[in-house]
Amino acid sequence: MARFLFKSFENEAVVFDTASGDTHLLAPFTLTLFELIQSRPGMMAHEIEPALLSRLDQPSEHLTALTQDSLASLRKLGLLETP
């Protein structure tokens, strides 16, 4: 069984962590970031923003701040391990 199970809605998604039993609501950007990190284990920090830009409909002028905030949120929720 996969560790994370997803259910997407119109503008957000929930992720169920089978290891902890917790369910978390993720905003669209945070979900995109989480899926990116899950699909590319070992991704280096400097690779995240270019990879996000290729997945987003249009570039965000606040991408760095949004990425850092979303990474911090994923760590706080226990969905992202800190090396």
N, C-alpha and C. Protein backbone atom coordinates (compact mmCIF):
# COMPACT_ATOMS: atom_id res chain seq x y z
N MET A 1 0.84 -1.17 0.00
CA MET A 1 0.00 0.00 0.00
C MET A 1 0.89 1.24 0.00
N ALA A 2 0.50 2.23 -0.78
CA ALA A 2 1.24 3.49 -0.83
C ALA A 2 1.11 4.22 0.51
N ARG A 3 2.15 4.95 0.86
CA ARG A 3 2.10 5.69 2.13
C ARG A 3 1.08 6.82 2.07
N PHE A 4 0.97 7.49 0.93
CA PHE A 4 0.07 8.64 0.81
C PHE A 4 -1.05 8.34 -0.18
N LEU A 5 -2.28 8.61 0.25
CA LEU A 5 -3.45 8.45 -0.61
C LEU A 5 -4.06 9.83 -0.81
N PHE A 6 -4.45 10.15 -2.04
CA PHE A 6 -4.94 11.47 -2.38
C PHE A 6 -6.40 11.44 -2.82
N LYS A 7 -7.10 12.52 -2.51
CA LYS A 7 -8.43 12.76 -3.04
C LYS A 7 -8.46 14.22 -3.46
N SER A 8 -8.62 14.47 -4.75
CA SER A 8 -8.61 15.83 -5.27
C SER A 8 -10.02 16.37 -5.40
N PHE A 9 -10.14 17.65 -5.14
CA PHE A 9 -11.38 18.39 -5.31
C PHE A 9 -11.11 19.52 -6.30
N GLU A 10 -12.05 20.39 -6.47
CA GLU A 10 -11.91 21.45 -7.48
C GLU A 10 -10.65 22.29 -7.30
N ASN A 11 -10.43 22.86 -6.13
CA ASN A 11 -9.29 23.75 -5.92
C ASN A 11 -8.35 23.32 -4.82
N GLU A 12 -8.47 22.09 -4.37
CA GLU A 12 -7.61 21.61 -3.29
C GLU A 12 -7.63 20.09 -3.27
N ALA A 13 -6.90 19.53 -2.34
CA ALA A 13 -6.86 18.08 -2.22
C ALA A 13 -6.60 17.71 -0.77
N VAL A 14 -6.96 16.50 -0.42
CA VAL A 14 -6.59 15.97 0.88
C VAL A 14 -5.63 14.81 0.65
N VAL A 15 -4.72 14.67 1.58
CA VAL A 15 -3.77 13.56 1.53
C VAL A 15 -3.88 12.81 2.85
N PHE A 16 -4.02 11.50 2.75
CA PHE A 16 -4.08 10.63 3.92
C PHE A 16 -2.73 9.95 4.05
N ASP A 17 -2.12 10.11 5.22
CA ASP A 17 -0.83 9.50 5.52
C ASP A 17 -1.11 8.16 6.20
N THR A 18 -0.91 7.07 5.48
CA THR A 18 -1.22 5.75 6.04
C THR A 18 -0.31 5.38 7.20
N ALA A 19 0.87 5.99 7.27
CA ALA A 19 1.81 5.70 8.36
C ALA A 19 1.34 6.30 9.68
N SER A 20 0.79 7.52 9.62
CA SER A 20 0.38 8.21 10.85
C SER A 20 -1.12 8.16 11.08
N GLY A 21 -1.89 7.93 10.02
CA GLY A 21 -3.34 7.95 10.13
C GLY A 21 -3.91 9.36 10.02
N ASP A 22 -3.07 10.34 9.75
CA ASP A 22 -3.51 11.73 9.65
C ASP A 22 -3.97 12.07 8.24
N THR A 23 -4.94 12.97 8.16
CA THR A 23 -5.42 13.49 6.89
C THR A 23 -5.16 14.99 6.87
N HIS A 24 -4.65 15.49 5.75
CA HIS A 24 -4.28 16.90 5.64
C HIS A 24 -4.89 17.51 4.38
N LEU A 25 -5.37 18.74 4.52
CA LEU A 25 -5.88 19.51 3.39
C LEU A 25 -4.72 20.29 2.79
N LEU A 26 -4.50 20.14 1.48
CA LEU A 26 -3.41 20.83 0.81
C LEU A 26 -3.96 21.79 -0.25
N ALA A 27 -3.43 23.00 -0.23
CA ALA A 27 -3.76 23.98 -1.26
C ALA A 27 -3.17 23.51 -2.59
N PRO A 28 -3.67 24.00 -3.71
CA PRO A 28 -3.19 23.53 -5.01
C PRO A 28 -1.68 23.63 -5.20
N PHE A 29 -1.08 24.75 -4.84
CA PHE A 29 0.37 24.89 -5.02
C PHE A 29 1.12 23.89 -4.16
N THR A 30 0.70 23.74 -2.91
CA THR A 30 1.36 22.81 -2.00
C THR A 30 1.23 21.38 -2.50
N LEU A 31 0.07 21.04 -3.04
CA LEU A 31 -0.12 19.70 -3.62
C LEU A 31 0.82 19.49 -4.81
N THR A 32 0.94 20.48 -5.68
CA THR A 32 1.85 20.37 -6.82
C THR A 32 3.28 20.16 -6.36
N LEU A 33 3.69 20.92 -5.36
CA LEU A 33 5.04 20.79 -4.80
C LEU A 33 5.23 19.41 -4.18
N PHE A 34 4.26 18.94 -3.41
CA PHE A 34 4.34 17.63 -2.76
C PHE A 34 4.44 16.51 -3.80
N GLU A 35 3.60 16.57 -4.83
CA GLU A 35 3.65 15.55 -5.88
C GLU A 35 4.98 15.57 -6.62
N LEU A 36 5.52 16.75 -6.85
CA LEU A 36 6.81 16.88 -7.51
C LEU A 36 7.90 16.20 -6.69
N ILE A 37 7.93 16.49 -5.41
CA ILE A 37 8.95 15.92 -4.53
C ILE A 37 8.79 14.40 -4.43
N GLN A 38 7.55 13.92 -4.38
CA GLN A 38 7.30 12.48 -4.32
C GLN A 38 7.74 11.79 -5.60
N SER A 39 7.60 12.48 -6.73
CA SER A 39 7.94 11.86 -8.02
C SER A 39 9.43 11.87 -8.31
N ARG A 40 10.17 12.70 -7.59
CA ARG A 40 11.62 12.81 -7.83
C ARG A 40 12.38 12.76 -6.51
N PRO A 41 12.44 11.60 -5.87
CA PRO A 41 13.19 11.48 -4.61
C PRO A 41 14.64 11.90 -4.82
N GLY A 42 15.17 12.58 -3.83
CA GLY A 42 16.56 13.02 -3.92
C GLY A 42 16.74 14.33 -4.65
N MET A 43 15.64 14.96 -5.02
CA MET A 43 15.71 16.24 -5.72
C MET A 43 16.43 17.27 -4.85
N MET A 44 17.33 18.00 -5.46
CA MET A 44 18.08 19.03 -4.75
C MET A 44 17.25 20.31 -4.68
N ALA A 45 17.49 21.11 -3.65
CA ALA A 45 16.71 22.34 -3.44
C ALA A 45 16.73 23.26 -4.66
N HIS A 46 17.88 23.39 -5.31
CA HIS A 46 17.98 24.30 -6.46
C HIS A 46 17.23 23.78 -7.69
N GLU A 47 16.78 22.54 -7.66
CA GLU A 47 16.03 21.97 -8.79
C GLU A 47 14.52 22.16 -8.66
N ILE A 48 14.07 22.53 -7.47
CA ILE A 48 12.63 22.58 -7.21
C ILE A 48 11.93 23.67 -8.02
N GLU A 49 12.41 24.90 -7.94
CA GLU A 49 11.72 26.00 -8.63
C GLU A 49 11.64 25.81 -10.15
N PRO A 50 12.74 25.45 -10.83
CA PRO A 50 12.61 25.22 -12.28
C PRO A 50 11.60 24.10 -12.60
N ALA A 51 11.59 23.06 -11.79
CA ALA A 51 10.64 21.96 -12.02
C ALA A 51 9.20 22.43 -11.78
N LEU A 52 9.01 23.27 -10.77
CA LEU A 52 7.67 23.81 -10.52
C LEU A 52 7.20 24.69 -11.68
N LEU A 53 8.10 25.52 -12.18
CA LEU A 53 7.74 26.40 -13.29
C LEU A 53 7.26 25.61 -14.50
N SER A 54 7.85 24.44 -14.72
CA SER A 54 7.43 23.62 -15.86
C SER A 54 6.05 23.00 -15.65
N ARG A 55 5.60 22.91 -14.40
CA ARG A 55 4.29 22.33 -14.10
C ARG A 55 3.18 23.37 -13.96
N LEU A 56 3.56 24.61 -13.69
CA LEU A 56 2.56 25.65 -13.46
C LEU A 56 2.11 26.25 -14.78
N ASP A 57 0.87 26.74 -14.79
CA ASP A 57 0.33 27.36 -15.99
C ASP A 57 1.09 28.63 -16.36
N GLN A 58 1.49 29.38 -15.35
CA GLN A 58 2.26 30.58 -15.59
C GLN A 58 3.20 30.84 -14.43
N PRO A 59 4.31 31.49 -14.69
CA PRO A 59 5.28 31.75 -13.63
C PRO A 59 4.69 32.66 -12.56
N SER A 60 5.12 32.45 -11.35
CA SER A 60 4.69 33.28 -10.23
C SER A 60 5.84 34.18 -9.83
N GLU A 61 5.56 35.45 -9.68
CA GLU A 61 6.61 36.38 -9.27
C GLU A 61 7.01 36.17 -7.82
N HIS A 62 6.21 35.45 -7.07
CA HIS A 62 6.50 35.18 -5.66
C HIS A 62 6.84 33.70 -5.44
N LEU A 63 7.36 33.05 -6.46
CA LEU A 63 7.58 31.61 -6.41
C LEU A 63 8.52 31.18 -5.28
N THR A 64 9.60 31.90 -5.06
CA THR A 64 10.56 31.50 -4.03
C THR A 64 9.91 31.52 -2.65
N ALA A 65 9.22 32.60 -2.31
CA ALA A 65 8.57 32.70 -1.00
C ALA A 65 7.48 31.65 -0.85
N LEU A 66 6.69 31.46 -1.89
CA LEU A 66 5.62 30.47 -1.85
C LEU A 66 6.18 29.06 -1.70
N THR A 67 7.26 28.78 -2.39
CA THR A 67 7.90 27.46 -2.29
C THR A 67 8.43 27.23 -0.89
N GLN A 68 9.12 28.21 -0.32
CA GLN A 68 9.67 28.07 1.03
C GLN A 68 8.56 27.89 2.07
N ASP A 69 7.48 28.66 1.95
CA ASP A 69 6.35 28.53 2.88
C ASP A 69 5.71 27.15 2.76
N SER A 70 5.54 26.67 1.55
CA SER A 70 4.91 25.36 1.33
C SER A 70 5.80 24.23 1.83
N LEU A 71 7.11 24.34 1.62
CA LEU A 71 8.03 23.33 2.14
C LEU A 71 7.97 23.28 3.67
N ALA A 72 7.94 24.46 4.30
CA ALA A 72 7.84 24.52 5.76
C ALA A 72 6.54 23.89 6.24
N SER A 73 5.46 24.13 5.53
CA SER A 73 4.17 23.56 5.89
C SER A 73 4.19 22.03 5.77
N LEU A 74 4.77 21.51 4.69
CA LEU A 74 4.86 20.06 4.51
C LEU A 74 5.72 19.42 5.60
N ARG A 75 6.80 20.09 5.99
CA ARG A 75 7.64 19.56 7.07
C ARG A 75 6.88 19.54 8.39
N LYS A 76 6.16 20.63 8.67
CA LYS A 76 5.40 20.74 9.92
C LYS A 76 4.33 19.65 10.02
N LEU A 77 3.71 19.33 8.89
CA LEU A 77 2.68 18.29 8.86
C LEU A 77 3.26 16.88 8.91
N GLY A 78 4.57 16.76 8.76
CA GLY A 78 5.21 15.45 8.76
C GLY A 78 5.14 14.75 7.42
N LEU A 79 4.83 15.50 6.36
CA LEU A 79 4.73 14.92 5.02
C LEU A 79 6.05 15.00 4.26
N LEU A 80 6.99 15.72 4.81
CA LEU A 80 8.29 15.89 4.17
C LEU A 80 9.36 15.77 5.23
N GLU A 81 10.28 14.86 5.00
CA GLU A 81 11.37 14.67 5.95
C GLU A 81 12.48 15.66 5.67
N THR A 82 13.06 16.17 6.73
CA THR A 82 14.20 17.08 6.60
C THR A 82 15.47 16.26 6.66
N PRO A 83 16.36 16.46 5.66
CA PRO A 83 17.61 15.68 5.66
C PRO A 83 18.48 16.01 6.85
